[in-house]
Amino acid sequence: VDLDNPKVLRATAGQWFRLPMTVSQDLKATVMQAKQAGMQVIATLPSAHLTYWEVDWHQPSLILLGNEGAGLSPELAAMADTSVKIPLNPGVESLNVAIAAALMLYEVRRQRRG
């Protein structure tokens, strides 16, 4: 969905106006720029061995989240420094990407506050 879509504006509860946002024309190049700038790149993958709360979120990070149906492309997943999972109960196949992002961002905030 487009960043300026009215549903996006409504769903962000005003944060849209407080955070810098951009659309990448070449996501692989953006990931490489982040890595070259010293950021850790974290991919969310259901097959990962680490959980998202086992990562040190004190350092600058780029989080790669796939969509609910297809997940991340193999090319993007391979670019990550670390892969993490969000443990789910048996029978739960996946999480909405907004929920996955919220869980991870709250963990980042928790670690950085402590």
PDB file of N, CA and C in Angstrom:
ATOM      1  N   VAL A   1       0.840  -1.172   0.000  1.00  0.00           N
ATOM      2  CA  VAL A   1       0.000   0.000   0.000  1.00  0.00           C
ATOM      3  C   VAL A   1       0.892   1.244   0.000  1.00  0.00           C
ATOM      4  N   ASP A   2       0.420   2.296  -0.587  1.00  0.00           N
ATOM      5  CA  ASP A   2       1.177   3.541  -0.634  1.00  0.00           C
ATOM      6  C   ASP A   2       1.246   4.202   0.731  1.00  0.00           C
ATOM      7  N   LEU A   3       2.378   4.863   1.018  1.00  0.00           N
ATOM      8  CA  LEU A   3       2.552   5.537   2.304  1.00  0.00           C
ATOM      9  C   LEU A   3       1.506   6.607   2.561  1.00  0.00           C
ATOM     10  N   ASP A   4       1.034   7.263   1.499  1.00  0.00           N
ATOM     11  CA  ASP A   4       0.077   8.347   1.693  1.00  0.00           C
ATOM     12  C   ASP A   4      -1.381   7.898   1.535  1.00  0.00           C
ATOM     13  N   ASN A   5      -1.617   6.613   1.526  1.00  0.00           N
ATOM     14  CA  ASN A   5      -2.972   6.080   1.475  1.00  0.00           C
ATOM     15  C   ASN A   5      -3.711   6.487   2.753  1.00  0.00           C
ATOM     16  N   PRO A   6      -4.951   6.953   2.662  1.00  0.00           N
ATOM     17  CA  PRO A   6      -5.690   7.366   3.865  1.00  0.00           C
ATOM     18  C   PRO A   6      -5.784   6.281   4.938  1.00  0.00           C
ATOM     19  N   LYS A   7      -5.841   5.023   4.540  1.00  0.00           N
ATOM     20  CA  LYS A   7      -5.886   3.942   5.530  1.00  0.00           C
ATOM     21  C   LYS A   7      -4.575   3.845   6.301  1.00  0.00           C
ATOM     22  N   VAL A   8      -3.457   4.100   5.625  1.00  0.00           N
ATOM     23  CA  VAL A   8      -2.161   4.098   6.296  1.00  0.00           C
ATOM     24  C   VAL A   8      -2.107   5.238   7.301  1.00  0.00           C
ATOM     25  N   LEU A   9      -2.521   6.413   6.893  1.00  0.00           N
ATOM     26  CA  LEU A   9      -2.528   7.565   7.790  1.00  0.00           C
ATOM     27  C   LEU A   9      -3.368   7.296   9.033  1.00  0.00           C
ATOM     28  N   ARG A  10      -4.533   6.737   8.833  1.00  0.00           N
ATOM     29  CA  ARG A  10      -5.434   6.438   9.949  1.00  0.00           C
ATOM     30  C   ARG A  10      -4.844   5.366  10.862  1.00  0.00           C
ATOM     31  N   ALA A  11      -4.260   4.328  10.278  1.00  0.00           N
ATOM     32  CA  ALA A  11      -3.742   3.197  11.057  1.00  0.00           C
ATOM     33  C   ALA A  11      -2.522   3.564  11.895  1.00  0.00           C
ATOM     34  N   THR A  12      -1.782   4.574  11.476  1.00  0.00           N
ATOM     35  CA  THR A  12      -0.567   4.923  12.214  1.00  0.00           C
ATOM     36  C   THR A  12      -0.838   5.830  13.407  1.00  0.00           C
ATOM     37  N   ALA A  13      -2.050   6.242  13.556  1.00  0.00           N
ATOM     38  CA  ALA A  13      -2.451   7.070  14.705  1.00  0.00           C
ATOM     39  C   ALA A  13      -1.543   8.286  14.888  1.00  0.00           C
ATOM     40  N   GLY A  14      -1.207   8.936  13.795  1.00  0.00           N
ATOM     41  CA  GLY A  14      -0.427  10.155  13.876  1.00  0.00           C
ATOM     42  C   GLY A  14       1.077   9.971  13.796  1.00  0.00           C
ATOM     43  N   GLN A  15       1.583   8.762  13.974  1.00  0.00           N
ATOM     44  CA  GLN A  15       3.024   8.544  13.918  1.00  0.00           C
ATOM     45  C   GLN A  15       3.585   8.807  12.518  1.00  0.00           C
ATOM     46  N   TRP A  16       2.744   8.690  11.519  1.00  0.00           N
ATOM     47  CA  TRP A  16       3.149   8.944  10.138  1.00  0.00           C
ATOM     48  C   TRP A  16       3.793  10.321  10.020  1.00  0.00           C
ATOM     49  N   PHE A  17       3.314  11.272  10.799  1.00  0.00           N
ATOM     50  CA  PHE A  17       3.816  12.638  10.729  1.00  0.00           C
ATOM     51  C   PHE A  17       5.073  12.849  11.569  1.00  0.00           C
ATOM     52  N   ARG A  18       5.421  11.904  12.417  1.00  0.00           N
ATOM     53  CA  ARG A  18       6.552  12.061  13.328  1.00  0.00           C
ATOM     54  C   ARG A  18       7.794  11.295  12.900  1.00  0.00           C
ATOM     55  N   LEU A  19       7.649  10.309  12.043  1.00  0.00           N
ATOM     56  CA  LEU A  19       8.772   9.450  11.670  1.00  0.00           C
ATOM     57  C   LEU A  19       9.179   9.677  10.219  1.00  0.00           C
ATOM     58  N   PRO A  20      10.488   9.659   9.962  1.00  0.00           N
ATOM     59  CA  PRO A  20      10.912   9.791   8.565  1.00  0.00           C
ATOM     60  C   PRO A  20      10.563   8.515   7.797  1.00  0.00           C
ATOM     61  N   MET A  21      10.000   8.664   6.623  1.00  0.00           N
ATOM     62  CA  MET A  21       9.619   7.507   5.811  1.00  0.00           C
ATOM     63  C   MET A  21      10.074   7.721   4.390  1.00  0.00           C
ATOM     64  N   THR A  22      10.343   6.632   3.735  1.00  0.00           N
ATOM     65  CA  THR A  22      10.726   6.680   2.337  1.00  0.00           C
ATOM     66  C   THR A  22      10.327   5.380   1.660  1.00  0.00           C
ATOM     67  N   VAL A  23      10.255   5.404   0.370  1.00  0.00           N
ATOM     68  CA  VAL A  23       9.997   4.213  -0.427  1.00  0.00           C
ATOM     69  C   VAL A  23      11.271   3.914  -1.197  1.00  0.00           C
ATOM     70  N   SER A  24      11.756   2.701  -1.077  1.00  0.00           N
ATOM     71  CA  SER A  24      12.976   2.306  -1.773  1.00  0.00           C
ATOM     72  C   SER A  24      12.642   1.865  -3.188  1.00  0.00           C
ATOM     73  N   GLN A  25      13.368   2.415  -4.136  1.00  0.00           N
ATOM     74  CA  GLN A  25      13.201   1.990  -5.524  1.00  0.00           C
ATOM     75  C   GLN A  25      13.973   0.711  -5.799  1.00  0.00           C
ATOM     76  N   ASP A  26      14.983   0.414  -4.970  1.00  0.00           N
ATOM     77  CA  ASP A  26      15.807  -0.784  -5.115  1.00  0.00           C
ATOM     78  C   ASP A  26      16.122  -1.295  -3.716  1.00  0.00           C
ATOM     79  N   LEU A  27      15.300  -2.206  -3.214  1.00  0.00           N
ATOM     80  CA  LEU A  27      15.415  -2.653  -1.827  1.00  0.00           C
ATOM     81  C   LEU A  27      16.751  -3.332  -1.551  1.00  0.00           C
ATOM     82  N   LYS A  28      17.263  -4.098  -2.488  1.00  0.00           N
ATOM     83  CA  LYS A  28      18.561  -4.751  -2.274  1.00  0.00           C
ATOM     84  C   LYS A  28      19.666  -3.713  -2.109  1.00  0.00           C
ATOM     85  N   ALA A  29      19.632  -2.659  -2.900  1.00  0.00           N
ATOM     86  CA  ALA A  29      20.624  -1.590  -2.770  1.00  0.00           C
ATOM     87  C   ALA A  29      20.472  -0.878  -1.425  1.00  0.00           C
ATOM     88  N   THR A  30      19.246  -0.678  -0.982  1.00  0.00           N
ATOM     89  CA  THR A  30      18.997  -0.038   0.310  1.00  0.00           C
ATOM     90  C   THR A  30      19.554  -0.891   1.447  1.00  0.00           C
ATOM     91  N   VAL A  31      19.356  -2.203   1.369  1.00  0.00           N
ATOM     92  CA  VAL A  31      19.899  -3.113   2.389  1.00  0.00           C
ATOM     93  C   VAL A  31      21.423  -3.030   2.393  1.00  0.00           C
ATOM     94  N   MET A  32      22.036  -3.021   1.236  1.00  0.00           N
ATOM     95  CA  MET A  32      23.501  -2.929   1.158  1.00  0.00           C
ATOM     96  C   MET A  32      24.001  -1.602   1.734  1.00  0.00           C
ATOM     97  N   GLN A  33      23.292  -0.517   1.473  1.00  0.00           N
ATOM     98  CA  GLN A  33      23.680   0.779   2.038  1.00  0.00           C
ATOM     99  C   GLN A  33      23.600   0.746   3.560  1.00  0.00           C
ATOM    100  N   ALA A  34      22.563   0.119   4.083  1.00  0.00           N
ATOM    101  CA  ALA A  34      22.414   0.013   5.534  1.00  0.00           C
ATOM    102  C   ALA A  34      23.568  -0.782   6.138  1.00  0.00           C
ATOM    103  N   LYS A  35      23.919  -1.884   5.498  1.00  0.00           N
ATOM    104  CA  LYS A  35      25.033  -2.703   5.988  1.00  0.00           C
ATOM    105  C   LYS A  35      26.340  -1.919   5.948  1.00  0.00           C
ATOM    106  N   GLN A  36      26.579  -1.192   4.859  1.00  0.00           N
ATOM    107  CA  GLN A  36      27.800  -0.407   4.728  1.00  0.00           C
ATOM    108  C   GLN A  36      27.855   0.716   5.752  1.00  0.00           C
ATOM    109  N   ALA A  37      26.697   1.172   6.199  1.00  0.00           N
ATOM    110  CA  ALA A  37      26.633   2.219   7.220  1.00  0.00           C
ATOM    111  C   ALA A  37      26.783   1.651   8.635  1.00  0.00           C
ATOM    112  N   GLY A  38      26.936   0.331   8.751  1.00  0.00           N
ATOM    113  CA  GLY A  38      27.142  -0.285  10.055  1.00  0.00           C
ATOM    114  C   GLY A  38      25.892  -0.815  10.731  1.00  0.00           C
ATOM    115  N   MET A  39      24.791  -0.833  10.021  1.00  0.00           N
ATOM    116  CA  MET A  39      23.558  -1.360  10.611  1.00  0.00           C
ATOM    117  C   MET A  39      23.546  -2.885  10.528  1.00  0.00           C
ATOM    118  N   GLN A  40      22.952  -3.515  11.534  1.00  0.00           N
ATOM    119  CA  GLN A  40      22.711  -4.947  11.435  1.00  0.00           C
ATOM    120  C   GLN A  40      21.396  -5.141  10.687  1.00  0.00           C
ATOM    121  N   VAL A  41      21.354  -6.153   9.838  1.00  0.00           N
ATOM    122  CA  VAL A  41      20.154  -6.440   9.058  1.00  0.00           C
ATOM    123  C   VAL A  41      19.556  -7.726   9.615  1.00  0.00           C
ATOM    124  N   ILE A  42      18.321  -7.617  10.078  1.00  0.00           N
ATOM    125  CA  ILE A  42      17.616  -8.726  10.714  1.00  0.00           C
ATOM    126  C   ILE A  42      16.445  -9.134   9.833  1.00  0.00           C
ATOM    127  N   ALA A  43      16.418 -10.405   9.453  1.00  0.00           N
ATOM    128  CA  ALA A  43      15.309 -10.933   8.646  1.00  0.00           C
ATOM    129  C   ALA A  43      14.382 -11.751   9.528  1.00  0.00           C
ATOM    130  N   THR A  44      13.102 -11.640   9.291  1.00  0.00           N
ATOM    131  CA  THR A  44      12.128 -12.468   9.998  1.00  0.00           C
ATOM    132  C   THR A  44      11.806 -13.681   9.122  1.00  0.00           C
ATOM    133  N   LEU A  45      12.121 -14.851   9.669  1.00  0.00           N
ATOM    134  CA  LEU A  45      11.892 -16.104   8.946  1.00  0.00           C
ATOM    135  C   LEU A  45      11.337 -17.151   9.904  1.00  0.00           C
ATOM    136  N   PRO A  46      10.305 -17.866   9.518  1.00  0.00           N
ATOM    137  CA  PRO A  46       9.756 -18.875  10.425  1.00  0.00           C
ATOM    138  C   PRO A  46      10.729 -20.019  10.721  1.00  0.00           C
ATOM    139  N   SER A  47      11.737 -20.202   9.895  1.00  0.00           N
ATOM    140  CA  SER A  47      12.703 -21.284  10.099  1.00  0.00           C
ATOM    141  C   SER A  47      13.913 -20.864  10.928  1.00  0.00           C
ATOM    142  N   ALA A  48      13.960 -19.615  11.372  1.00  0.00           N
ATOM    143  CA  ALA A  48      15.113 -19.114  12.134  1.00  0.00           C
ATOM    144  C   ALA A  48      15.248 -19.835  13.466  1.00  0.00           C
ATOM    145  N   HIS A  49      16.468 -19.868  13.981  1.00  0.00           N
ATOM    146  CA  HIS A  49      16.719 -20.508  15.272  1.00  0.00           C
ATOM    147  C   HIS A  49      16.587 -19.538  16.437  1.00  0.00           C
ATOM    148  N   LEU A  50      16.897 -18.276  16.226  1.00  0.00           N
ATOM    149  CA  LEU A  50      16.785 -17.267  17.281  1.00  0.00           C
ATOM    150  C   LEU A  50      15.381 -16.677  17.319  1.00  0.00           C
ATOM    151  N   THR A  51      14.939 -16.301  18.495  1.00  0.00           N
ATOM    152  CA  THR A  51      13.699 -15.534  18.605  1.00  0.00           C
ATOM    153  C   THR A  51      14.055 -14.053  18.568  1.00  0.00           C
ATOM    154  N   TYR A  52      13.090 -13.216  18.272  1.00  0.00           N
ATOM    155  CA  TYR A  52      13.355 -11.787  18.115  1.00  0.00           C
ATOM    156  C   TYR A  52      13.837 -11.127  19.392  1.00  0.00           C
ATOM    157  N   TRP A  53      13.580 -11.695  20.552  1.00  0.00           N
ATOM    158  CA  TRP A  53      14.033 -11.080  21.794  1.00  0.00           C
ATOM    159  C   TRP A  53      15.463 -11.502  22.162  1.00  0.00           C
ATOM    160  N   GLU A  54      16.068 -12.403  21.379  1.00  0.00           N
ATOM    161  CA  GLU A  54      17.450 -12.816  21.627  1.00  0.00           C
ATOM    162  C   GLU A  54      18.468 -11.946  20.875  1.00  0.00           C
ATOM    163  N   VAL A  55      18.002 -11.000  20.112  1.00  0.00           N
ATOM    164  CA  VAL A  55      18.871 -10.107  19.353  1.00  0.00           C
ATOM    165  C   VAL A  55      19.231  -8.903  20.222  1.00  0.00           C
ATOM    166  N   ASP A  56      20.455  -8.414  20.072  1.00  0.00           N
ATOM    167  CA  ASP A  56      20.854  -7.176  20.731  1.00  0.00           C
ATOM    168  C   ASP A  56      20.372  -6.019  19.870  1.00  0.00           C
ATOM    169  N   TRP A  57      19.317  -5.374  20.311  1.00  0.00           N
ATOM    170  CA  TRP A  57      18.706  -4.279  19.548  1.00  0.00           C
ATOM    171  C   TRP A  57      19.285  -2.920  19.911  1.00  0.00           C
ATOM    172  N   HIS A  58      20.367  -2.884  20.679  1.00  0.00           N
ATOM    173  CA  HIS A  58      20.970  -1.600  21.027  1.00  0.00           C
ATOM    174  C   HIS A  58      21.677  -0.962  19.838  1.00  0.00           C
ATOM    175  N   GLN A  59      22.096  -1.759  18.891  1.00  0.00           N
ATOM    176  CA  GLN A  59      22.783  -1.194  17.725  1.00  0.00           C
ATOM    177  C   GLN A  59      21.781  -0.850  16.625  1.00  0.00           C
ATOM    178  N   PRO A  60      22.142   0.081  15.761  1.00  0.00           N
ATOM    179  CA  PRO A  60      21.235   0.438  14.661  1.00  0.00           C
ATOM    180  C   PRO A  60      20.886  -0.800  13.842  1.00  0.00           C
ATOM    181  N   SER A  61      19.616  -0.919  13.492  1.00  0.00           N
ATOM    182  CA  SER A  61      19.130  -2.145  12.856  1.00  0.00           C
ATOM    183  C   SER A  61      18.153  -1.834  11.736  1.00  0.00           C
ATOM    184  N   LEU A  62      18.178  -2.698  10.741  1.00  0.00           N
ATOM    185  CA  LEU A  62      17.197  -2.691   9.662  1.00  0.00           C
ATOM    186  C   LEU A  62      16.468  -4.020   9.753  1.00  0.00           C
ATOM    187  N   ILE A  63      15.159  -3.980   9.871  1.00  0.00           N
ATOM    188  CA  ILE A  63      14.348  -5.193   9.998  1.00  0.00           C
ATOM    189  C   ILE A  63      13.670  -5.480   8.667  1.00  0.00           C
ATOM    190  N   LEU A  64      13.867  -6.690   8.170  1.00  0.00           N
ATOM    191  CA  LEU A  64      13.219  -7.120   6.937  1.00  0.00           C
ATOM    192  C   LEU A  64      12.030  -8.003   7.287  1.00  0.00           C
ATOM    193  N   LEU A  65      10.854  -7.568   6.891  1.00  0.00           N
ATOM    194  CA  LEU A  65       9.613  -8.298   7.146  1.00  0.00           C
ATOM    195  C   LEU A  65       8.976  -8.675   5.813  1.00  0.00           C
ATOM    196  N   GLY A  66       8.595  -9.916   5.669  1.00  0.00           N
ATOM    197  CA  GLY A  66       7.912 -10.344   4.457  1.00  0.00           C
ATOM    198  C   GLY A  66       6.418 -10.232   4.624  1.00  0.00           C
ATOM    199  N   ASN A  67       5.702 -10.427   3.526  1.00  0.00           N
ATOM    200  CA  ASN A  67       4.246 -10.404   3.656  1.00  0.00           C
ATOM    201  C   ASN A  67       3.742 -11.736   4.191  1.00  0.00           C
ATOM    202  N   GLU A  68       2.508 -11.735   4.623  1.00  0.00           N
ATOM    203  CA  GLU A  68       1.951 -12.903   5.311  1.00  0.00           C
ATOM    204  C   GLU A  68       1.930 -14.150   4.437  1.00  0.00           C
ATOM    205  N   GLY A  69       1.640 -14.003   3.173  1.00  0.00           N
ATOM    206  CA  GLY A  69       1.526 -15.173   2.306  1.00  0.00           C
ATOM    207  C   GLY A  69       2.844 -15.713   1.813  1.00  0.00           C
ATOM    208  N   ALA A  70       3.719 -14.824   1.332  1.00  0.00           N
ATOM    209  CA  ALA A  70       4.948 -15.279   0.676  1.00  0.00           C
ATOM    210  C   ALA A  70       6.200 -15.130   1.529  1.00  0.00           C
ATOM    211  N   GLY A  71       6.165 -14.292   2.536  1.00  0.00           N
ATOM    212  CA  GLY A  71       7.360 -14.066   3.338  1.00  0.00           C
ATOM    213  C   GLY A  71       8.396 -13.264   2.567  1.00  0.00           C
ATOM    214  N   LEU A  72       9.634 -13.325   3.030  1.00  0.00           N
ATOM    215  CA  LEU A  72      10.729 -12.618   2.371  1.00  0.00           C
ATOM    216  C   LEU A  72      11.224 -13.406   1.172  1.00  0.00           C
ATOM    217  N   SER A  73      11.721 -12.698   0.185  1.00  0.00           N
ATOM    218  CA  SER A  73      12.335 -13.386  -0.945  1.00  0.00           C
ATOM    219  C   SER A  73      13.636 -14.034  -0.470  1.00  0.00           C
ATOM    220  N   PRO A  74      14.021 -15.136  -1.072  1.00  0.00           N
ATOM    221  CA  PRO A  74      15.292 -15.774  -0.689  1.00  0.00           C
ATOM    222  C   PRO A  74      16.488 -14.831  -0.830  1.00  0.00           C
ATOM    223  N   GLU A  75      16.457 -13.953  -1.835  1.00  0.00           N
ATOM    224  CA  GLU A  75      17.561 -13.012  -2.039  1.00  0.00           C
ATOM    225  C   GLU A  75      17.684 -12.036  -0.868  1.00  0.00           C
ATOM    226  N   LEU A  76      16.567 -11.488  -0.409  1.00  0.00           N
ATOM    227  CA  LEU A  76      16.609 -10.571   0.726  1.00  0.00           C
ATOM    228  C   LEU A  76      16.985 -11.297   2.010  1.00  0.00           C
ATOM    229  N   ALA A  77      16.436 -12.470   2.221  1.00  0.00           N
ATOM    230  CA  ALA A  77      16.760 -13.246   3.420  1.00  0.00           C
ATOM    231  C   ALA A  77      18.252 -13.543   3.482  1.00  0.00           C
ATOM    232  N   ALA A  78      18.869 -13.822   2.340  1.00  0.00           N
ATOM    233  CA  ALA A  78      20.296 -14.134   2.297  1.00  0.00           C
ATOM    234  C   ALA A  78      21.162 -12.922   2.624  1.00  0.00           C
ATOM    235  N   MET A  79      20.635 -11.734   2.455  1.00  0.00           N
ATOM    236  CA  MET A  79      21.394 -10.512   2.740  1.00  0.00           C
ATOM    237  C   MET A  79      21.444 -10.186   4.231  1.00  0.00           C
ATOM    238  N   ALA A  80      20.609 -10.835   5.018  1.00  0.00           N
ATOM    239  CA  ALA A  80      20.520 -10.525   6.452  1.00  0.00           C
ATOM    240  C   ALA A  80      21.739 -11.033   7.209  1.00  0.00           C
ATOM    241  N   ASP A  81      22.095 -10.306   8.258  1.00  0.00           N
ATOM    242  CA  ASP A  81      23.157 -10.742   9.164  1.00  0.00           C
ATOM    243  C   ASP A  81      22.646 -11.811  10.113  1.00  0.00           C
ATOM    244  N   THR A  82      21.386 -11.683  10.479  1.00  0.00           N
ATOM    245  CA  THR A  82      20.749 -12.580  11.436  1.00  0.00           C
ATOM    246  C   THR A  82      19.306 -12.802  11.025  1.00  0.00           C
ATOM    247  N   SER A  83      18.813 -14.001  11.291  1.00  0.00           N
ATOM    248  CA  SER A  83      17.400 -14.303  11.065  1.00  0.00           C
ATOM    249  C   SER A  83      16.745 -14.591  12.403  1.00  0.00           C
ATOM    250  N   VAL A  84      15.523 -14.117  12.570  1.00  0.00           N
ATOM    251  CA  VAL A  84      14.788 -14.342  13.808  1.00  0.00           C
ATOM    252  C   VAL A  84      13.378 -14.835  13.488  1.00  0.00           C
ATOM    253  N   LYS A  85      12.797 -15.468  14.479  1.00  0.00           N
ATOM    254  CA  LYS A  85      11.418 -15.918  14.339  1.00  0.00           C
ATOM    255  C   LYS A  85      10.588 -15.357  15.480  1.00  0.00           C
ATOM    256  N   ILE A  86       9.294 -15.361  15.259  1.00  0.00           N
ATOM    257  CA  ILE A  86       8.319 -15.037  16.294  1.00  0.00           C
ATOM    258  C   ILE A  86       7.606 -16.347  16.585  1.00  0.00           C
ATOM    259  N   PRO A  87       7.863 -16.928  17.761  1.00  0.00           N
ATOM    260  CA  PRO A  87       7.238 -18.231  18.057  1.00  0.00           C
ATOM    261  C   PRO A  87       5.712 -18.135  18.044  1.00  0.00           C
ATOM    262  N   LEU A  88       5.104 -19.120  17.426  1.00  0.00           N
ATOM    263  CA  LEU A  88       3.645 -19.173  17.331  1.00  0.00           C
ATOM    264  C   LEU A  88       3.138 -20.462  17.960  1.00  0.00           C
ATOM    265  N   ASN A  89       1.930 -20.418  18.447  1.00  0.00           N
ATOM    266  CA  ASN A  89       1.303 -21.626  18.982  1.00  0.00           C
ATOM    267  C   ASN A  89       1.019 -22.613  17.855  1.00  0.00           C
ATOM    268  N   PRO A  90       0.967 -23.897  18.182  1.00  0.00           N
ATOM    269  CA  PRO A  90       0.626 -24.888  17.153  1.00  0.00           C
ATOM    270  C   PRO A  90      -0.703 -24.532  16.490  1.00  0.00           C
ATOM    271  N   GLY A  91      -0.744 -24.683  15.174  1.00  0.00           N
ATOM    272  CA  GLY A  91      -1.957 -24.386  14.430  1.00  0.00           C
ATOM    273  C   GLY A  91      -2.032 -22.968  13.902  1.00  0.00           C
ATOM    274  N   VAL A  92      -1.183 -22.075  14.412  1.00  0.00           N
ATOM    275  CA  VAL A  92      -1.144 -20.705  13.911  1.00  0.00           C
ATOM    276  C   VAL A  92      -0.108 -20.675  12.799  1.00  0.00           C
ATOM    277  N   GLU A  93      -0.533 -20.321  11.606  1.00  0.00           N
ATOM    278  CA  GLU A  93       0.368 -20.369  10.456  1.00  0.00           C
ATOM    279  C   GLU A  93       1.247 -19.141  10.322  1.00  0.00           C
ATOM    280  N   SER A  94       0.686 -17.956  10.579  1.00  0.00           N
ATOM    281  CA  SER A  94       1.461 -16.734  10.370  1.00  0.00           C
ATOM    282  C   SER A  94       0.819 -15.579  11.116  1.00  0.00           C
ATOM    283  N   LEU A  95       1.553 -14.471  11.146  1.00  0.00           N
ATOM    284  CA  LEU A  95       1.053 -13.234  11.732  1.00  0.00           C
ATOM    285  C   LEU A  95       0.936 -12.187  10.642  1.00  0.00           C
ATOM    286  N   ASN A  96       0.009 -11.285  10.811  1.00  0.00           N
ATOM    287  CA  ASN A  96      -0.082 -10.105   9.965  1.00  0.00           C
ATOM    288  C   ASN A  96       1.229  -9.335  10.113  1.00  0.00           C
ATOM    289  N   VAL A  97       1.732  -8.756   9.034  1.00  0.00           N
ATOM    290  CA  VAL A  97       3.026  -8.071   9.082  1.00  0.00           C
ATOM    291  C   VAL A  97       3.008  -6.896  10.059  1.00  0.00           C
ATOM    292  N   ALA A  98       1.896  -6.236  10.221  1.00  0.00           N
ATOM    293  CA  ALA A  98       1.817  -5.131  11.177  1.00  0.00           C
ATOM    294  C   ALA A  98       1.988  -5.636  12.608  1.00  0.00           C
ATOM    295  N   ILE A  99       1.404  -6.780  12.918  1.00  0.00           N
ATOM    296  CA  ILE A  99       1.558  -7.369  14.255  1.00  0.00           C
ATOM    297  C   ILE A  99       2.995  -7.803  14.476  1.00  0.00           C
ATOM    298  N   ALA A 100       3.593  -8.437  13.467  1.00  0.00           N
ATOM    299  CA  ALA A 100       4.990  -8.861  13.579  1.00  0.00           C
ATOM    300  C   ALA A 100       5.901  -7.653  13.807  1.00  0.00           C
ATOM    301  N   ALA A 101       5.683  -6.599  13.054  1.00  0.00           N
ATOM    302  CA  ALA A 101       6.494  -5.389  13.217  1.00  0.00           C
ATOM    303  C   ALA A 101       6.309  -4.797  14.609  1.00  0.00           C
ATOM    304  N   ALA A 102       5.077  -4.752  15.082  1.00  0.00           N
ATOM    305  CA  ALA A 102       4.808  -4.185  16.405  1.00  0.00           C
ATOM    306  C   ALA A 102       5.531  -4.968  17.499  1.00  0.00           C
ATOM    307  N   LEU A 103       5.483  -6.286  17.436  1.00  0.00           N
ATOM    308  CA  LEU A 103       6.179  -7.103  18.440  1.00  0.00           C
ATOM    309  C   LEU A 103       7.670  -6.795  18.457  1.00  0.00           C
ATOM    310  N   MET A 104       8.254  -6.754  17.289  1.00  0.00           N
ATOM    311  CA  MET A 104       9.692  -6.520  17.212  1.00  0.00           C
ATOM    312  C   MET A 104      10.063  -5.108  17.654  1.00  0.00           C
ATOM    313  N   LEU A 105       9.286  -4.116  17.258  1.00  0.00           N
ATOM    314  CA  LEU A 105       9.599  -2.743  17.635  1.00  0.00           C
ATOM    315  C   LEU A 105       9.411  -2.506  19.134  1.00  0.00           C
ATOM    316  N   TYR A 106       8.452  -3.182  19.737  1.00  0.00           N
ATOM    317  CA  TYR A 106       8.312  -3.077  21.184  1.00  0.00           C
ATOM    318  C   TYR A 106       9.500  -3.711  21.892  1.00  0.00           C
ATOM    319  N   GLU A 107      10.054  -4.784  21.349  1.00  0.00           N
ATOM    320  CA  GLU A 107      11.252  -5.389  21.945  1.00  0.00           C
ATOM    321  C   GLU A 107      12.449  -4.455  21.789  1.00  0.00           C
ATOM    322  N   VAL A 108      12.569  -3.813  20.652  1.00  0.00           N
ATOM    323  CA  VAL A 108      13.644  -2.829  20.473  1.00  0.00           C
ATOM    324  C   VAL A 108      13.529  -1.747  21.546  1.00  0.00           C
ATOM    325  N   ARG A 109      12.332  -1.235  21.693  1.00  0.00           N
ATOM    326  CA  ARG A 109      12.095  -0.167  22.696  1.00  0.00           C
ATOM    327  C   ARG A 109      12.377  -0.663  24.107  1.00  0.00           C
ATOM    328  N   ARG A 110      11.963  -1.877  24.424  1.00  0.00           N
ATOM    329  CA  ARG A 110      12.197  -2.438  25.751  1.00  0.00           C
ATOM    330  C   ARG A 110      13.690  -2.531  26.054  1.00  0.00           C
ATOM    331  N   GLN A 111      14.446  -3.064  25.098  1.00  0.00           N
ATOM    332  CA  GLN A 111      15.890  -3.211  25.316  1.00  0.00           C
ATOM    333  C   GLN A 111      16.587  -1.865  25.412  1.00  0.00           C
ATOM    334  N   ARG A 112      16.174  -0.927  24.628  1.00  0.00           N
ATOM    335  CA  ARG A 112      16.852   0.376  24.628  1.00  0.00           C
ATOM    336  C   ARG A 112      16.506   1.217  25.840  1.00  0.00           C
ATOM    337  N   ARG A 113      15.401   0.912  26.485  1.00  0.00           N
ATOM    338  CA  ARG A 113      15.028   1.627  27.718  1.00  0.00           C
ATOM    339  C   ARG A 113      15.795   1.098  28.919  1.00  0.00           C
ATOM    340  N   GLY A 114      16.055  -0.228  28.905  1.00  0.00           N
ATOM    341  CA  GLY A 114      16.665  -0.899  30.050  1.00  0.00           C
ATOM    342  C   GLY A 114      18.091  -0.590  30.188  1.00  0.00           C
TER     343      GLY A 114
END
